[in-house]
Amino acid sequence: MSRNNNQLFETQDFNLSCFLLASEIHLLSLKPTNDPRKVIFVFEKHPSLEQLVQGFWSNSQRIEPLKLLNAQRVLKQRLHSYLLFK
């Protein structure tokens, strides 16, 4: 399935990515960068995405701690698998 750039949200920020994943924003893929130690997290755009990102950076969003920890674990597993097999 092909998507154009205005249907995607990309970030290199691991903590923001954990928060978005815990907020049930769909992670589509990981993309390489010029730095082999870093990746770009590619999320599907969602109507609430901009509000979530702004809330994250302004520290006004709240999320259940276990949801956040689970999202962090899942994202670390995906990241390590990606880096191992790229």
N, C-alpha and C. Protein backbone atom coordinates (compact mmCIF):
# COMPACT_ATOMS: atom_id res chain seq x y z
N MET A 1 0.83 -1.17 0.00
CA MET A 1 0.00 0.00 0.00
C MET A 1 0.88 1.24 0.00
N SER A 2 0.67 2.09 -0.95
CA SER A 2 1.48 3.29 -1.09
C SER A 2 0.82 4.46 -0.37
N ARG A 3 1.63 5.26 0.29
CA ARG A 3 1.12 6.43 1.00
C ARG A 3 1.98 7.62 0.61
N ASN A 4 1.34 8.79 0.47
CA ASN A 4 2.15 9.96 0.20
C ASN A 4 2.56 10.60 1.52
N ASN A 5 3.46 11.56 1.45
CA ASN A 5 4.06 12.13 2.66
C ASN A 5 3.07 12.82 3.58
N ASN A 6 1.96 13.35 3.04
CA ASN A 6 1.02 14.03 3.95
C ASN A 6 0.15 13.03 4.70
N GLN A 7 0.34 11.73 4.48
CA GLN A 7 -0.34 10.70 5.25
C GLN A 7 0.58 10.08 6.29
N LEU A 8 1.81 10.61 6.38
CA LEU A 8 2.83 10.05 7.27
C LEU A 8 3.33 11.10 8.24
N PHE A 9 3.77 10.63 9.40
CA PHE A 9 4.46 11.48 10.36
C PHE A 9 5.76 10.78 10.70
N GLU A 10 6.87 11.49 10.58
CA GLU A 10 8.19 10.90 10.84
C GLU A 10 8.89 11.65 11.96
N THR A 11 9.58 10.89 12.80
CA THR A 11 10.37 11.48 13.87
C THR A 11 11.55 10.56 14.18
N GLN A 12 12.62 11.15 14.69
CA GLN A 12 13.75 10.37 15.17
C GLN A 12 13.72 10.25 16.69
N ASP A 13 12.77 10.90 17.34
CA ASP A 13 12.71 10.95 18.79
C ASP A 13 12.11 9.66 19.35
N PHE A 14 12.92 8.91 20.10
CA PHE A 14 12.48 7.63 20.65
C PHE A 14 11.36 7.81 21.66
N ASN A 15 11.49 8.78 22.56
CA ASN A 15 10.48 8.98 23.60
C ASN A 15 9.14 9.42 23.02
N LEU A 16 9.17 10.32 22.05
CA LEU A 16 7.93 10.72 21.38
C LEU A 16 7.31 9.52 20.68
N SER A 17 8.13 8.70 20.05
CA SER A 17 7.63 7.51 19.38
C SER A 17 6.97 6.53 20.35
N CYS A 18 7.56 6.36 21.51
CA CYS A 18 6.96 5.50 22.55
C CYS A 18 5.60 6.07 22.95
N PHE A 19 5.54 7.36 23.17
CA PHE A 19 4.30 8.01 23.56
C PHE A 19 3.22 7.83 22.48
N LEU A 20 3.59 8.04 21.22
CA LEU A 20 2.62 7.90 20.13
C LEU A 20 2.13 6.45 20.02
N LEU A 21 3.04 5.52 20.14
CA LEU A 21 2.66 4.11 20.08
C LEU A 21 1.72 3.77 21.24
N ALA A 22 2.02 4.25 22.42
CA ALA A 22 1.15 4.02 23.58
C ALA A 22 -0.20 4.71 23.42
N SER A 23 -0.24 5.77 22.61
CA SER A 23 -1.48 6.49 22.34
C SER A 23 -2.25 5.88 21.15
N GLU A 24 -1.78 4.70 20.74
CA GLU A 24 -2.43 3.92 19.69
C GLU A 24 -2.34 4.55 18.30
N ILE A 25 -1.26 5.27 18.05
CA ILE A 25 -0.95 5.74 16.71
C ILE A 25 -0.15 4.64 16.04
N HIS A 26 -0.54 4.26 14.85
CA HIS A 26 0.03 3.09 14.17
C HIS A 26 1.44 3.38 13.63
N LEU A 27 2.41 2.60 14.10
CA LEU A 27 3.78 2.67 13.59
C LEU A 27 3.84 1.86 12.31
N LEU A 28 4.17 2.52 11.20
CA LEU A 28 4.20 1.84 9.90
C LEU A 28 5.53 1.18 9.62
N SER A 29 6.62 1.89 9.93
CA SER A 29 7.93 1.33 9.58
C SER A 29 9.03 2.12 10.26
N LEU A 30 10.24 1.61 10.10
CA LEU A 30 11.46 2.29 10.50
C LEU A 30 12.24 2.55 9.22
N LYS A 31 12.84 3.73 9.13
CA LYS A 31 13.64 4.08 7.96
C LYS A 31 15.07 4.36 8.39
N PRO A 32 16.03 4.00 7.55
CA PRO A 32 17.43 4.29 7.90
C PRO A 32 17.74 5.79 7.76
N THR A 33 18.78 6.20 8.44
CA THR A 33 19.32 7.55 8.29
C THR A 33 20.77 7.41 7.85
N ASN A 34 21.43 8.53 7.63
CA ASN A 34 22.85 8.50 7.28
C ASN A 34 23.71 8.02 8.45
N ASP A 35 23.20 8.18 9.65
CA ASP A 35 23.88 7.72 10.85
C ASP A 35 23.41 6.30 11.14
N PRO A 36 24.30 5.31 11.07
CA PRO A 36 23.87 3.91 11.25
C PRO A 36 23.33 3.60 12.64
N ARG A 37 23.51 4.51 13.60
CA ARG A 37 23.00 4.30 14.95
C ARG A 37 21.60 4.87 15.15
N LYS A 38 21.05 5.51 14.13
CA LYS A 38 19.75 6.16 14.26
C LYS A 38 18.78 5.69 13.19
N VAL A 39 17.50 5.79 13.51
CA VAL A 39 16.45 5.48 12.55
C VAL A 39 15.38 6.57 12.61
N ILE A 40 14.53 6.55 11.61
CA ILE A 40 13.36 7.41 11.58
C ILE A 40 12.14 6.52 11.81
N PHE A 41 11.32 6.90 12.78
CA PHE A 41 10.08 6.18 13.06
C PHE A 41 8.99 6.79 12.20
N VAL A 42 8.31 5.95 11.43
CA VAL A 42 7.28 6.42 10.50
C VAL A 42 5.91 5.99 11.01
N PHE A 43 5.08 6.98 11.32
CA PHE A 43 3.74 6.73 11.84
C PHE A 43 2.69 7.14 10.81
N GLU A 44 1.55 6.49 10.92
CA GLU A 44 0.40 6.87 10.11
C GLU A 44 -0.20 8.14 10.69
N LYS A 45 -0.56 9.09 9.82
CA LYS A 45 -1.21 10.31 10.30
C LYS A 45 -2.57 9.95 10.87
N HIS A 46 -2.95 10.64 11.91
CA HIS A 46 -4.21 10.41 12.60
C HIS A 46 -4.79 11.78 12.94
N PRO A 47 -6.10 11.92 12.98
CA PRO A 47 -6.68 13.24 13.29
C PRO A 47 -6.17 13.86 14.60
N SER A 48 -5.85 13.04 15.58
CA SER A 48 -5.40 13.58 16.87
C SER A 48 -3.88 13.69 16.98
N LEU A 49 -3.16 13.38 15.92
CA LEU A 49 -1.69 13.33 15.99
C LEU A 49 -1.07 14.66 16.38
N GLU A 50 -1.49 15.74 15.74
CA GLU A 50 -0.89 17.05 16.03
C GLU A 50 -1.13 17.44 17.49
N GLN A 51 -2.32 17.19 17.99
CA GLN A 51 -2.64 17.49 19.39
C GLN A 51 -1.78 16.64 20.33
N LEU A 52 -1.59 15.37 19.99
CA LEU A 52 -0.76 14.50 20.83
C LEU A 52 0.69 14.98 20.87
N VAL A 53 1.23 15.33 19.72
CA VAL A 53 2.63 15.79 19.65
C VAL A 53 2.79 17.09 20.43
N GLN A 54 1.88 18.03 20.24
CA GLN A 54 1.96 19.29 20.98
C GLN A 54 1.83 19.04 22.49
N GLY A 55 0.93 18.14 22.86
CA GLY A 55 0.76 17.81 24.27
C GLY A 55 1.98 17.14 24.86
N PHE A 56 2.64 16.31 24.07
CA PHE A 56 3.87 15.66 24.53
C PHE A 56 4.93 16.71 24.84
N TRP A 57 5.15 17.63 23.89
CA TRP A 57 6.21 18.62 24.07
C TRP A 57 5.87 19.66 25.13
N SER A 58 4.58 19.90 25.38
CA SER A 58 4.21 20.87 26.41
C SER A 58 3.97 20.20 27.76
N ASN A 59 4.16 18.88 27.80
CA ASN A 59 4.00 18.10 29.03
C ASN A 59 2.57 18.18 29.58
N SER A 60 1.60 18.26 28.66
CA SER A 60 0.21 18.36 29.12
C SER A 60 -0.59 17.08 28.83
N GLN A 61 0.01 16.10 28.20
CA GLN A 61 -0.67 14.84 27.92
C GLN A 61 -0.44 13.86 29.05
N ARG A 62 -1.42 13.06 29.34
CA ARG A 62 -1.31 12.03 30.36
C ARG A 62 -1.55 10.67 29.72
N ILE A 63 -0.82 9.69 30.18
CA ILE A 63 -0.96 8.34 29.65
C ILE A 63 -0.73 7.35 30.79
N GLU A 64 -1.36 6.21 30.69
CA GLU A 64 -1.19 5.19 31.71
C GLU A 64 0.26 4.69 31.69
N PRO A 65 0.90 4.62 32.85
CA PRO A 65 2.30 4.20 32.91
C PRO A 65 2.57 2.83 32.26
N LEU A 66 1.70 1.86 32.50
CA LEU A 66 1.93 0.53 31.93
C LEU A 66 1.81 0.53 30.41
N LYS A 67 0.93 1.36 29.87
CA LYS A 67 0.83 1.49 28.41
C LYS A 67 2.14 2.04 27.84
N LEU A 68 2.68 3.05 28.51
CA LEU A 68 3.92 3.66 28.05
C LEU A 68 5.08 2.67 28.14
N LEU A 69 5.18 1.96 29.25
CA LEU A 69 6.26 0.98 29.41
C LEU A 69 6.15 -0.15 28.39
N ASN A 70 4.94 -0.60 28.11
CA ASN A 70 4.75 -1.64 27.12
C ASN A 70 5.13 -1.14 25.72
N ALA A 71 4.73 0.08 25.40
CA ALA A 71 5.10 0.66 24.11
C ALA A 71 6.61 0.79 23.98
N GLN A 72 7.28 1.17 25.06
CA GLN A 72 8.73 1.29 25.04
C GLN A 72 9.38 -0.07 24.79
N ARG A 73 8.88 -1.11 25.44
CA ARG A 73 9.41 -2.45 25.25
C ARG A 73 9.23 -2.92 23.80
N VAL A 74 8.04 -2.71 23.26
CA VAL A 74 7.74 -3.10 21.87
C VAL A 74 8.64 -2.35 20.90
N LEU A 75 8.79 -1.05 21.12
CA LEU A 75 9.59 -0.23 20.21
C LEU A 75 11.07 -0.62 20.28
N LYS A 76 11.57 -0.91 21.47
CA LYS A 76 12.96 -1.36 21.60
C LYS A 76 13.18 -2.68 20.87
N GLN A 77 12.24 -3.60 21.01
CA GLN A 77 12.35 -4.88 20.30
C GLN A 77 12.37 -4.67 18.79
N ARG A 78 11.47 -3.82 18.33
CA ARG A 78 11.41 -3.55 16.88
C ARG A 78 12.68 -2.87 16.40
N LEU A 79 13.18 -1.94 17.17
CA LEU A 79 14.39 -1.22 16.82
C LEU A 79 15.60 -2.16 16.78
N HIS A 80 15.74 -2.99 17.78
CA HIS A 80 16.87 -3.92 17.81
C HIS A 80 16.79 -4.93 16.67
N SER A 81 15.60 -5.40 16.36
CA SER A 81 15.43 -6.32 15.24
C SER A 81 15.79 -5.64 13.92
N TYR A 82 15.36 -4.40 13.78
CA TYR A 82 15.65 -3.64 12.56
C TYR A 82 17.15 -3.45 12.40
N LEU A 83 17.81 -3.02 13.46
CA LEU A 83 19.25 -2.77 13.38
C LEU A 83 20.04 -4.06 13.18
N LEU A 84 19.55 -5.15 13.72
CA LEU A 84 20.22 -6.44 13.58
C LEU A 84 20.14 -6.97 12.16
N PHE A 85 19.00 -6.78 11.51
CA PHE A 85 18.78 -7.39 10.21
C PHE A 85 18.82 -6.45 9.04
N LYS A 86 19.27 -5.23 9.25
CA LYS A 86 19.31 -4.31 8.09
C LYS A 86 20.54 -4.51 7.24
